[in-house]
């Protein structure tokens, strides 16, 4: 049943299902089954098995489209205090991802602030008074080169040949680029129904129209129109959450890059095409580009830094910070 090194006991069909969900997290199983040349019943069994291993599809708002600002906090903690700081941050609704790195004294936290007031309340008031916190670095994410809700890319998995109508095969191996936001005047306004819909999709991005209709108090057809509006206008994205270790990837690391002025967009776009890179963005601070990479082990990380990153023009320095534990991922706390 295995498909080779790093894929564990997953067969080709299961890997292709993961890939198809990354291309469209809400795609119907019947549609995916047709593309992959299998029955819907067979694919449903595979999907159910992956769900028992932690697979979930998460719907998330795109902050930039809604007038929000995305920050990456780099927090330094006194020995023994990082855990309590991380779990306090994990309880906040405005944090979506928290990881422990660098010997257990450094935390990384993805934060979305809807207003300057809420940003200042956290960065200037609450964090400085947090026991055990010895340093705070707040980096505003300026431009995303990968999708904002990315976790890892299935195009790093060895898929079989294209089957079915060829659509899945044509996109196999392609990274999920950051969507181009439509040219619309100002941020997209949300009403109470939109917010209720987003809250339900954050729990289950594949929730059916009847369930979404019940949660929002609207008809299924109304919910469908709102879904299409949010997606078409770049305000809603979907991510596949599936632990990379299940696929043989046991090392995640943050990469902080100093890139020559004028070269940041070019380097960011190249990084986004690398199967090792799950996230890349231009940022403020002493480093102007930050990325997250996923590797099978330390040998692969060394090879990547030496041969892939080292050969890029404009790279002045690279700092790595291996992730020891993910405390929160895609807005959900992770088991210790």
Protein backbone atom coordinates (compact mmCIF):
# COMPACT_ATOMS: atom_id res chain seq x y z
CA UNK A 1 0.00 0.00 0.00
CA UNK A 2 2.93 2.35 0.57
CA UNK A 3 4.14 4.62 -2.20
CA UNK A 4 7.78 4.97 -1.26
CA UNK A 5 10.05 6.78 1.15
CA UNK A 6 8.36 9.27 3.43
CA UNK A 7 4.76 8.42 2.56
CA UNK A 8 4.26 5.83 5.32
CA UNK A 9 1.28 3.60 4.62
CA UNK A 10 -0.53 6.06 2.36
CA UNK A 11 -1.32 4.86 -1.12
CA UNK A 12 -1.30 6.97 -4.26
CA UNK A 13 -5.04 7.59 -4.14
CA UNK A 14 -4.85 9.02 -0.61
CA UNK A 15 -1.97 11.29 -1.56
CA UNK A 16 -3.84 12.49 -4.62
CA UNK A 17 -6.89 13.15 -2.46
CA UNK A 18 -4.77 15.35 -0.17
CA UNK A 19 -3.48 17.18 -3.22
CA UNK A 20 -6.96 17.71 -4.65
CA UNK A 21 -8.19 19.14 -1.34
CA UNK A 22 -5.32 21.60 -1.30
CA UNK A 23 -6.35 22.78 -4.74
CA UNK A 24 -9.96 23.19 -3.57
CA UNK A 25 -10.80 22.40 0.04
CA UNK A 26 -14.54 22.32 -0.66
CA UNK A 27 -14.44 20.18 -3.79
CA UNK A 28 -17.09 17.44 -3.66
CA UNK A 29 -15.75 13.91 -3.23
CA UNK A 30 -17.77 12.86 -6.26
CA UNK A 31 -15.96 15.44 -8.38
CA UNK A 32 -12.53 14.44 -7.04
CA UNK A 33 -13.33 10.75 -7.57
CA UNK A 34 -14.24 11.43 -11.21
CA UNK A 35 -10.96 13.26 -11.75
CA UNK A 36 -8.94 10.46 -10.17
CA UNK A 37 -10.73 7.66 -11.98
CA UNK A 38 -12.15 5.95 -8.89
CA UNK A 39 -15.54 5.53 -7.25
CA UNK A 40 -16.95 8.04 -4.79
CA UNK A 41 -17.45 5.23 -2.27
CA UNK A 42 -13.78 4.24 -2.42
CA UNK A 43 -12.65 7.83 -2.07
CA UNK A 44 -15.02 8.38 0.87
CA UNK A 45 -13.34 5.49 2.71
CA UNK A 46 -9.92 7.05 2.08
CA UNK A 47 -11.17 10.43 3.23
CA UNK A 48 -12.60 8.91 6.41
CA UNK A 49 -9.27 7.23 7.20
CA UNK A 50 -7.37 10.47 6.74
CA UNK A 51 -9.86 12.21 9.02
CA UNK A 52 -9.08 9.71 11.80
CA UNK A 53 -5.43 10.76 11.46
CA UNK A 54 -6.26 14.43 11.97
CA UNK A 55 -7.07 15.69 8.48
CA UNK A 56 -9.25 18.79 8.49
CA UNK A 57 -10.07 21.52 6.03
CA UNK A 58 -10.20 25.00 7.53
CA UNK A 59 -11.81 28.11 6.10
CA UNK A 60 -10.04 31.33 7.04
CA UNK A 61 -10.60 34.99 6.20
CA UNK A 62 -7.87 36.78 4.26
CA UNK A 63 -6.93 39.70 6.56
CA UNK A 64 -5.61 42.05 3.88
CA UNK A 65 -8.90 41.84 1.97
CA UNK A 66 -10.85 42.69 5.12
CA UNK A 67 -8.76 45.66 6.19
CA UNK A 68 -6.83 43.74 8.85
CA UNK A 69 -3.08 43.58 9.42
CA UNK A 70 -1.07 40.39 9.81
CA UNK A 71 1.85 40.35 12.25
CA UNK A 72 4.51 37.82 13.12
CA UNK A 73 5.67 38.13 16.72
CA UNK A 74 9.09 36.84 17.71
CA UNK A 75 9.10 36.53 21.47
CA UNK A 76 12.04 35.71 23.74
CA UNK A 77 11.23 34.10 27.07
CA UNK A 78 13.11 33.32 30.26
CA UNK A 79 13.99 29.62 30.64
CA UNK A 80 10.96 27.65 31.76
CA UNK A 81 8.40 30.34 30.97
CA UNK A 82 7.81 29.86 27.23
CA UNK A 83 5.09 27.26 27.76
CA UNK A 84 2.90 29.47 29.93
CA UNK A 85 3.33 32.45 27.58
CA UNK A 86 2.50 30.31 24.55
CA UNK A 87 -0.67 28.87 26.07
CA UNK A 88 -1.83 32.32 27.18
CA UNK A 89 -1.43 33.55 23.60
CA UNK A 90 -3.14 30.42 22.25
CA UNK A 91 -6.30 31.35 24.15
CA UNK A 92 -6.57 34.60 22.20
CA UNK A 93 -8.96 34.58 19.25
CA UNK A 94 -6.67 36.85 17.21
CA UNK A 95 -3.76 34.35 17.17
CA UNK A 96 -3.81 31.66 14.49
CA UNK A 97 -0.45 29.93 14.80
CA UNK A 98 2.11 29.65 17.63
CA UNK A 99 5.31 27.63 17.66
CA UNK A 100 8.12 26.99 20.10
CA UNK A 101 11.63 27.17 18.65
CA UNK A 102 15.32 27.76 19.32
CA UNK A 103 16.00 25.70 22.42
CA UNK A 104 12.59 26.31 23.94
CA UNK A 105 13.07 29.99 24.81
CA UNK A 106 11.74 31.56 21.59
CA UNK A 107 8.13 31.76 20.46
CA UNK A 108 6.66 32.68 17.10
CA UNK A 109 3.10 33.88 16.96
CA UNK A 110 0.95 34.81 13.94
CA UNK A 111 -1.43 37.58 14.93
CA UNK A 112 -4.18 39.39 13.03
CA UNK A 113 -5.20 42.84 14.26
CA UNK A 114 -8.41 44.42 12.94
CA UNK A 115 -7.64 47.90 14.32
CA UNK A 116 -4.61 49.90 15.47
CA UNK A 117 -6.17 50.12 18.93
CA UNK A 118 -6.24 46.34 19.35
CA UNK A 119 -2.68 46.08 18.00
CA UNK A 120 -1.40 48.68 20.48
CA UNK A 121 -3.29 47.12 23.38
CA UNK A 122 -1.43 43.86 22.87
CA UNK A 123 2.00 45.08 21.76
CA UNK A 124 2.34 48.11 24.00
CA UNK A 125 0.35 47.09 27.05
CA UNK A 126 -0.30 43.37 27.57
CA UNK A 127 2.87 41.78 26.22
CA UNK A 128 5.37 44.07 28.00
CA UNK A 129 3.69 43.17 31.32
CA UNK A 130 3.75 39.41 30.68
CA UNK A 131 5.81 37.52 33.30
CA UNK A 132 8.75 35.61 31.81
CA UNK A 133 8.82 37.58 28.58
CA UNK A 134 12.27 39.12 28.01
CA UNK A 135 11.97 40.47 24.46
CA UNK A 136 9.34 41.24 21.83
CA UNK A 137 9.87 41.61 18.11
CA UNK A 138 6.78 42.58 16.10
CA UNK A 139 7.10 42.19 12.34
CA UNK A 140 4.38 43.45 10.01
CA UNK A 141 3.88 41.07 7.08
CA UNK A 142 3.84 43.25 3.98
CA UNK A 143 3.33 40.86 1.10
CA UNK A 144 2.59 37.15 0.89
CA UNK A 145 4.26 35.03 -1.75
CA UNK A 146 2.42 31.88 -0.68
CA UNK A 147 -1.22 31.64 0.31
CA UNK A 148 -1.86 33.21 3.69
CA UNK A 149 -3.50 30.06 5.02
CA UNK A 150 -0.84 27.63 3.76
CA UNK A 151 0.53 24.94 6.05
CA UNK A 152 2.41 22.60 3.72
CA UNK A 153 2.32 21.78 0.05
CA UNK A 154 1.25 18.44 -1.29
CA UNK A 155 3.41 19.05 -4.36
CA UNK A 156 6.32 17.82 -2.26
CA UNK A 157 4.72 14.35 -2.35
CA UNK A 158 5.53 11.88 -5.15
CA UNK A 159 2.19 11.60 -6.97
CA UNK A 160 1.37 9.12 -9.65
CA UNK A 161 0.46 10.00 -13.24
CA UNK A 162 -2.61 12.05 -14.03
CA UNK A 163 -5.89 10.21 -14.33
CA UNK A 164 -9.51 11.08 -15.09
CA UNK A 165 -10.11 14.24 -17.04
CA UNK A 166 -6.54 15.44 -16.54
CA UNK A 167 -7.41 18.55 -14.52
CA UNK A 168 -5.80 17.26 -11.34
CA UNK A 169 -2.78 16.07 -13.27
CA UNK A 170 -2.31 19.40 -14.99
CA UNK A 171 -2.05 21.13 -11.61
CA UNK A 172 -0.06 18.42 -9.85
CA UNK A 173 3.28 19.71 -8.70
CA UNK A 174 2.18 23.34 -8.82
CA UNK A 175 2.46 25.37 -5.62
CA UNK A 176 -0.48 27.31 -4.22
CA UNK A 177 0.45 30.91 -5.03
CA UNK A 178 -0.88 33.84 -3.09
CA UNK A 179 -4.15 34.90 -4.67
CA UNK A 180 -4.26 38.19 -6.49
CA UNK A 181 -6.68 40.43 -4.63
CA UNK A 182 -9.27 42.03 -6.90
CA UNK A 183 -9.08 45.75 -7.50
CA UNK A 184 -12.01 46.85 -5.38
CA UNK A 185 -12.47 50.12 -3.50
CA UNK A 186 -11.53 49.61 0.15
CA UNK A 187 -11.84 46.53 2.38
CA UNK A 188 -14.71 44.15 1.87
CA UNK A 189 -17.45 44.80 4.45
CA UNK A 190 -18.85 41.85 6.40
CA UNK A 191 -22.28 41.63 8.01
CA UNK A 192 -23.41 39.37 10.86
CA UNK A 193 -24.29 36.54 8.46
CA UNK A 194 -20.85 36.66 6.84
CA UNK A 195 -19.18 36.53 10.24
CA UNK A 196 -21.33 33.57 11.33
CA UNK A 197 -20.46 31.80 8.09
CA UNK A 198 -16.74 32.39 8.59
CA UNK A 199 -16.97 31.10 12.16
CA UNK A 200 -18.56 27.83 10.99
CA UNK A 201 -16.02 27.37 8.21
CA UNK A 202 -13.18 27.90 10.70
CA UNK A 203 -14.42 24.80 12.50
CA UNK A 204 -15.10 22.75 9.36
CA UNK A 205 -14.24 24.13 5.96
CA UNK A 206 -16.18 21.31 4.30
CA UNK A 207 -19.42 21.83 6.23
CA UNK A 208 -22.38 21.26 3.94
CA UNK A 209 -24.80 23.93 2.83
CA UNK A 210 -27.60 22.63 5.12
CA UNK A 211 -25.32 22.89 8.16
CA UNK A 212 -24.12 26.35 7.15
CA UNK A 213 -27.68 27.45 6.49
CA UNK A 214 -28.77 26.31 9.96
CA UNK A 215 -25.86 28.12 11.59
CA UNK A 216 -26.49 31.39 9.78
CA UNK A 217 -30.28 31.36 9.63
CA UNK A 218 -30.21 31.70 5.86
CA UNK A 219 -31.32 29.44 3.04
CA UNK A 220 -28.79 27.10 1.40
CA UNK A 221 -28.97 29.11 -1.83
CA UNK A 222 -28.24 32.33 0.08
CA UNK A 223 -25.28 30.68 1.81
CA UNK A 224 -23.97 29.47 -1.53
CA UNK A 225 -24.08 32.99 -2.96
CA UNK A 226 -22.25 34.38 0.05
CA UNK A 227 -19.60 31.68 -0.20
CA UNK A 228 -19.04 32.50 -3.84
CA UNK A 229 -18.87 36.23 -3.07
CA UNK A 230 -16.30 35.78 -0.29
CA UNK A 231 -14.13 33.49 -2.40
CA UNK A 232 -14.43 35.46 -5.65
CA UNK A 233 -13.48 38.69 -3.89
CA UNK A 234 -10.44 37.17 -2.21
CA UNK A 235 -11.78 37.32 1.36
CA UNK A 236 -11.91 33.58 2.10
CA UNK A 237 -9.36 30.82 1.62
CA UNK A 238 -9.21 27.15 2.56
CA UNK A 239 -6.29 25.19 3.99
CA UNK A 240 -5.66 21.50 4.52
CA UNK A 241 -4.39 20.72 8.00
CA UNK A 242 -2.58 17.39 8.09
CA UNK A 243 0.52 16.83 10.20
CA UNK A 244 3.58 16.65 7.90
CA UNK A 245 5.09 13.91 10.06
CA UNK A 246 2.45 11.52 8.69
CA UNK A 247 4.10 11.99 5.29
CA UNK A 248 7.67 11.58 6.50
CA UNK A 249 8.52 15.25 7.13
CA UNK A 250 9.97 15.59 10.62
CA UNK A 251 11.75 18.95 10.59
CA UNK A 252 10.07 22.35 10.33
CA UNK A 253 12.08 25.53 10.53
CA UNK A 254 11.65 29.27 10.26
CA UNK A 255 13.98 31.01 7.82
CA UNK A 256 14.82 34.68 8.29
CA UNK A 257 16.49 36.14 5.20
CA UNK A 258 18.24 39.41 4.52
CA UNK A 259 17.80 40.16 0.85
CA UNK A 260 19.26 43.02 -1.18
CA UNK A 261 16.81 45.90 -1.69
CA UNK A 262 14.90 45.44 -4.92
CA UNK A 263 15.42 41.66 -4.89
CA UNK A 264 12.82 40.76 -2.27
CA UNK A 265 9.89 40.18 -4.70
CA UNK A 266 11.99 38.04 -7.01
CA UNK A 267 13.40 35.92 -4.17
CA UNK A 268 9.97 35.60 -2.57
CA UNK A 269 8.42 34.37 -5.81
CA UNK A 270 11.18 31.80 -6.27
CA UNK A 271 10.81 30.52 -2.69
CA UNK A 272 7.08 30.09 -3.27
CA UNK A 273 7.83 27.61 -6.07
CA UNK A 274 10.00 25.43 -3.82
CA UNK A 275 8.14 22.35 -2.53
CA UNK A 276 9.97 22.72 0.80
CA UNK A 277 8.45 26.15 1.51
CA UNK A 278 4.98 26.29 3.06
CA UNK A 279 4.98 30.01 3.79
CA UNK A 280 6.93 33.05 2.57
CA UNK A 281 6.31 36.75 3.08
CA UNK A 282 8.05 40.11 2.95
CA UNK A 283 8.31 41.61 6.41
CA UNK A 284 9.49 44.62 8.37
CA UNK A 285 12.47 44.44 10.67
CA UNK A 286 16.17 43.56 10.34
CA UNK A 287 15.24 40.67 8.02
CA UNK A 288 13.06 41.57 5.06
CA UNK A 289 11.86 38.08 4.12
CA UNK A 290 10.56 35.29 6.36
CA UNK A 291 9.67 31.75 5.37
CA UNK A 292 8.75 28.40 6.88
CA UNK A 293 10.24 25.23 5.43
CA UNK A 294 9.32 21.57 5.94
CA UNK A 295 11.96 18.88 5.51
CA UNK A 296 12.42 15.17 6.06
CA UNK A 297 15.41 15.81 8.31
CA UNK A 298 18.54 17.85 8.96
CA UNK A 299 20.35 16.54 5.88
CA UNK A 300 17.59 17.83 3.61
CA UNK A 301 17.60 21.19 5.39
CA UNK A 302 21.36 21.52 4.89
CA UNK A 303 21.08 20.59 1.23
CA UNK A 304 18.25 23.07 0.75
CA UNK A 305 20.14 25.95 2.36
CA UNK A 306 23.37 25.15 0.53
CA UNK A 307 22.04 24.40 -2.94
CA UNK A 308 18.63 26.07 -3.25
CA UNK A 309 18.75 29.20 -1.10
CA UNK A 310 22.48 29.75 -1.38
CA UNK A 311 22.29 29.98 -5.15
CA UNK A 312 19.64 32.72 -5.21
CA UNK A 313 20.89 36.18 -6.21
CA UNK A 314 20.47 38.90 -3.62
CA UNK A 315 20.64 36.69 -0.52
CA UNK A 316 22.86 38.37 2.07
CA UNK A 317 22.24 36.14 5.09
CA UNK A 318 19.96 33.38 6.34
CA UNK A 319 19.05 32.64 9.95
CA UNK A 320 17.32 29.36 10.81
CA UNK A 321 15.14 28.58 13.83
CA UNK A 322 13.95 24.94 13.96
CA UNK A 323 10.43 24.47 15.33
CA UNK A 324 10.32 22.25 18.41
CA UNK A 325 6.56 22.20 18.93
CA UNK A 326 3.47 23.74 17.39
CA UNK A 327 1.30 25.09 20.19
CA UNK A 328 -1.44 26.35 17.87
CA UNK A 329 -2.01 25.71 14.17
CA UNK A 330 -4.71 27.18 11.95
CA UNK A 331 -6.40 28.71 15.00
CA UNK A 332 -6.61 25.42 16.89
CA UNK A 333 -4.43 24.53 19.93
CA UNK A 334 -2.33 21.41 19.40
CA UNK A 335 -1.81 18.58 21.91
CA UNK A 336 1.31 18.85 24.04
